């Protein structure tokens, strides 16, 4: 099986990177949507519009992207036998954390849809930095492979 996967390595890598970009774009957009959403009056037309935007972003961009990122990423890991390499373990830990962040944001969108607003806009703006920091660390791990 590794021979078959080895032949398709560059296609797997390209697909993985494309869907990582889609996923990161969605992870950057959603907290910004939350900031604007929280500024709208609960039950208003604007509130309903933000609920729909968030739902679509999660359903159409984020969910398919995270699935493809994981599938192609795991196939790549098997192709290059990354399981025994330290940089890969660190990357995997960061991707797991980003996946958890994704899940938390999906849950937060549901809270906003119910009219709950547990976080201030400032905290949401700070949370917007999480995927940027994580992806910067992941890129260094994958390119430099420091360990």
Protein backbone atom coordinates (compact mmCIF):
# COMPACT_ATOMS: atom_id res chain seq x y z
CA UNK A 1 0.00 0.00 0.00
CA UNK A 2 2.88 2.38 0.70
CA UNK A 3 4.02 2.04 -2.93
CA UNK A 4 0.61 3.17 -4.16
CA UNK A 5 0.54 6.03 -1.66
CA UNK A 6 4.13 6.97 -2.56
CA UNK A 7 3.13 7.45 -6.20
CA UNK A 8 0.42 9.86 -5.18
CA UNK A 9 2.45 11.70 -2.49
CA UNK A 10 2.50 15.07 -4.26
CA UNK A 11 -1.24 14.91 -4.99
CA UNK A 12 -1.94 14.07 -1.35
CA UNK A 13 0.31 16.91 -0.22
CA UNK A 14 -1.30 19.42 -2.58
CA UNK A 15 -4.81 18.41 -1.52
CA UNK A 16 -3.83 18.52 2.14
CA UNK A 17 -2.42 22.05 1.81
CA UNK A 18 -5.43 23.29 -0.17
CA UNK A 19 -7.85 22.08 2.47
CA UNK A 20 -5.65 23.35 5.31
CA UNK A 21 -5.96 26.80 3.70
CA UNK A 22 -9.76 26.44 3.51
CA UNK A 23 -9.90 25.25 7.13
CA UNK A 24 -7.68 28.07 8.40
CA UNK A 25 -9.70 30.66 6.47
CA UNK A 26 -12.85 29.42 8.17
CA UNK A 27 -11.17 29.35 11.59
CA UNK A 28 -10.10 32.97 11.06
CA UNK A 29 -13.53 34.07 9.86
CA UNK A 30 -15.79 32.45 12.44
CA UNK A 31 -14.57 34.33 15.55
CA UNK A 32 -14.85 37.58 13.58
CA UNK A 33 -18.42 36.63 12.70
CA UNK A 34 -19.02 36.03 16.42
CA UNK A 35 -17.78 39.54 17.28
CA UNK A 36 -20.19 41.12 14.81
CA UNK A 37 -22.98 38.73 15.79
CA UNK A 38 -22.72 39.66 19.45
CA UNK A 39 -23.08 43.32 18.53
CA UNK A 40 -26.51 42.63 17.02
CA UNK A 41 -29.67 42.63 19.10
CA UNK A 42 -30.87 39.13 20.06
CA UNK A 43 -33.91 38.14 17.99
CA UNK A 44 -33.30 40.83 15.36
CA UNK A 45 -33.12 40.34 11.60
CA UNK A 46 -29.38 40.97 11.82
CA UNK A 47 -29.06 38.31 14.54
CA UNK A 48 -30.84 35.78 12.29
CA UNK A 49 -28.54 36.69 9.39
CA UNK A 50 -25.42 36.06 11.53
CA UNK A 51 -26.82 32.74 12.71
CA UNK A 52 -27.28 31.68 9.09
CA UNK A 53 -23.81 32.90 8.05
CA UNK A 54 -22.17 31.01 10.89
CA UNK A 55 -24.15 27.86 10.12
CA UNK A 56 -23.15 27.99 6.46
CA UNK A 57 -19.50 28.64 7.24
CA UNK A 58 -19.45 25.66 9.59
CA UNK A 59 -21.43 23.34 7.30
CA UNK A 60 -20.06 24.28 3.87
CA UNK A 61 -16.44 25.22 4.56
CA UNK A 62 -15.23 24.19 8.00
CA UNK A 63 -16.68 20.69 8.39
CA UNK A 64 -15.70 19.36 4.95
CA UNK A 65 -12.27 20.98 5.25
CA UNK A 66 -11.42 19.45 8.62
CA UNK A 67 -12.46 16.00 7.38
CA UNK A 68 -10.33 16.22 4.24
CA UNK A 69 -7.38 17.70 6.18
CA UNK A 70 -7.46 14.77 8.60
CA UNK A 71 -7.88 12.08 5.92
CA UNK A 72 -5.15 13.42 3.64
CA UNK A 73 -2.88 14.26 6.58
CA UNK A 74 -3.09 10.71 7.93
CA UNK A 75 -2.45 9.29 4.45
CA UNK A 76 0.61 11.55 4.16
CA UNK A 77 1.84 10.42 7.57
CA UNK A 78 1.66 6.80 6.45
CA UNK A 79 3.31 7.64 3.12
CA UNK A 80 6.38 9.25 4.71
CA UNK A 81 6.33 7.05 7.83
CA UNK A 82 6.11 10.12 10.06
CA UNK A 83 4.83 8.22 13.11
CA UNK A 84 8.31 7.75 14.56
CA UNK A 85 9.40 11.38 14.11
CA UNK A 86 9.27 13.93 16.93
CA UNK A 87 8.24 16.86 14.76
CA UNK A 88 5.19 14.87 13.63
CA UNK A 89 4.09 14.16 17.20
CA UNK A 90 4.26 17.88 17.98
CA UNK A 91 2.36 18.71 14.79
CA UNK A 92 -0.27 16.09 15.57
CA UNK A 93 -0.73 17.56 19.04
CA UNK A 94 -1.24 21.05 17.55
CA UNK A 95 -3.70 19.73 14.95
CA UNK A 96 -5.63 17.95 17.70
CA UNK A 97 -5.73 21.23 19.63
CA UNK A 98 -6.96 23.10 16.52
CA UNK A 99 -9.60 20.43 16.01
CA UNK A 100 -10.74 20.96 19.59
CA UNK A 101 -10.81 24.72 18.97
CA UNK A 102 -12.94 24.05 15.88
CA UNK A 103 -15.35 22.00 17.99
CA UNK A 104 -15.49 24.69 20.67
CA UNK A 105 -16.31 27.31 18.03
CA UNK A 106 -19.10 25.14 16.61
CA UNK A 107 -20.54 24.85 20.12
CA UNK A 108 -20.20 28.62 20.63
CA UNK A 109 -22.12 29.24 17.39
CA UNK A 110 -24.97 27.15 18.84
CA UNK A 111 -24.92 29.25 22.01
CA UNK A 112 -25.15 32.44 19.97
CA UNK A 113 -28.03 30.96 17.99
CA UNK A 114 -29.85 30.37 21.31
CA UNK A 115 -29.28 34.01 22.29
CA UNK A 116 -26.49 33.31 24.78
CA UNK A 117 -23.49 35.64 24.69
CA UNK A 118 -21.03 34.32 27.29
CA UNK A 119 -17.85 36.01 25.97
CA UNK A 120 -17.01 39.64 25.38
CA UNK A 121 -15.96 40.85 21.94
CA UNK A 122 -12.41 41.47 23.22
CA UNK A 123 -12.01 37.82 24.25
CA UNK A 124 -13.35 36.68 20.88
CA UNK A 125 -10.87 38.95 19.12
CA UNK A 126 -8.05 37.35 21.14
CA UNK A 127 -9.34 33.86 20.32
CA UNK A 128 -9.07 34.84 16.67
CA UNK A 129 -5.27 34.63 17.10
CA UNK A 130 -5.27 30.94 18.14
CA UNK A 131 -5.28 29.43 14.64
CA UNK A 132 -2.61 31.85 13.42
CA UNK A 133 -0.20 30.92 16.19
CA UNK A 134 -0.93 27.21 15.77
CA UNK A 135 -0.46 27.24 12.01
CA UNK A 136 2.81 29.18 12.32
CA UNK A 137 4.14 26.54 14.72
CA UNK A 138 2.91 23.73 12.47
CA UNK A 139 4.62 25.21 9.40
CA UNK A 140 7.92 25.50 11.30
CA UNK A 141 7.59 21.90 12.50
CA UNK A 142 6.88 20.55 9.01
CA UNK A 143 9.48 22.62 7.12
CA UNK A 144 12.34 22.85 9.65
CA UNK A 145 11.69 19.54 11.46
CA UNK A 146 13.63 20.69 14.53
CA UNK A 147 13.41 17.29 16.20
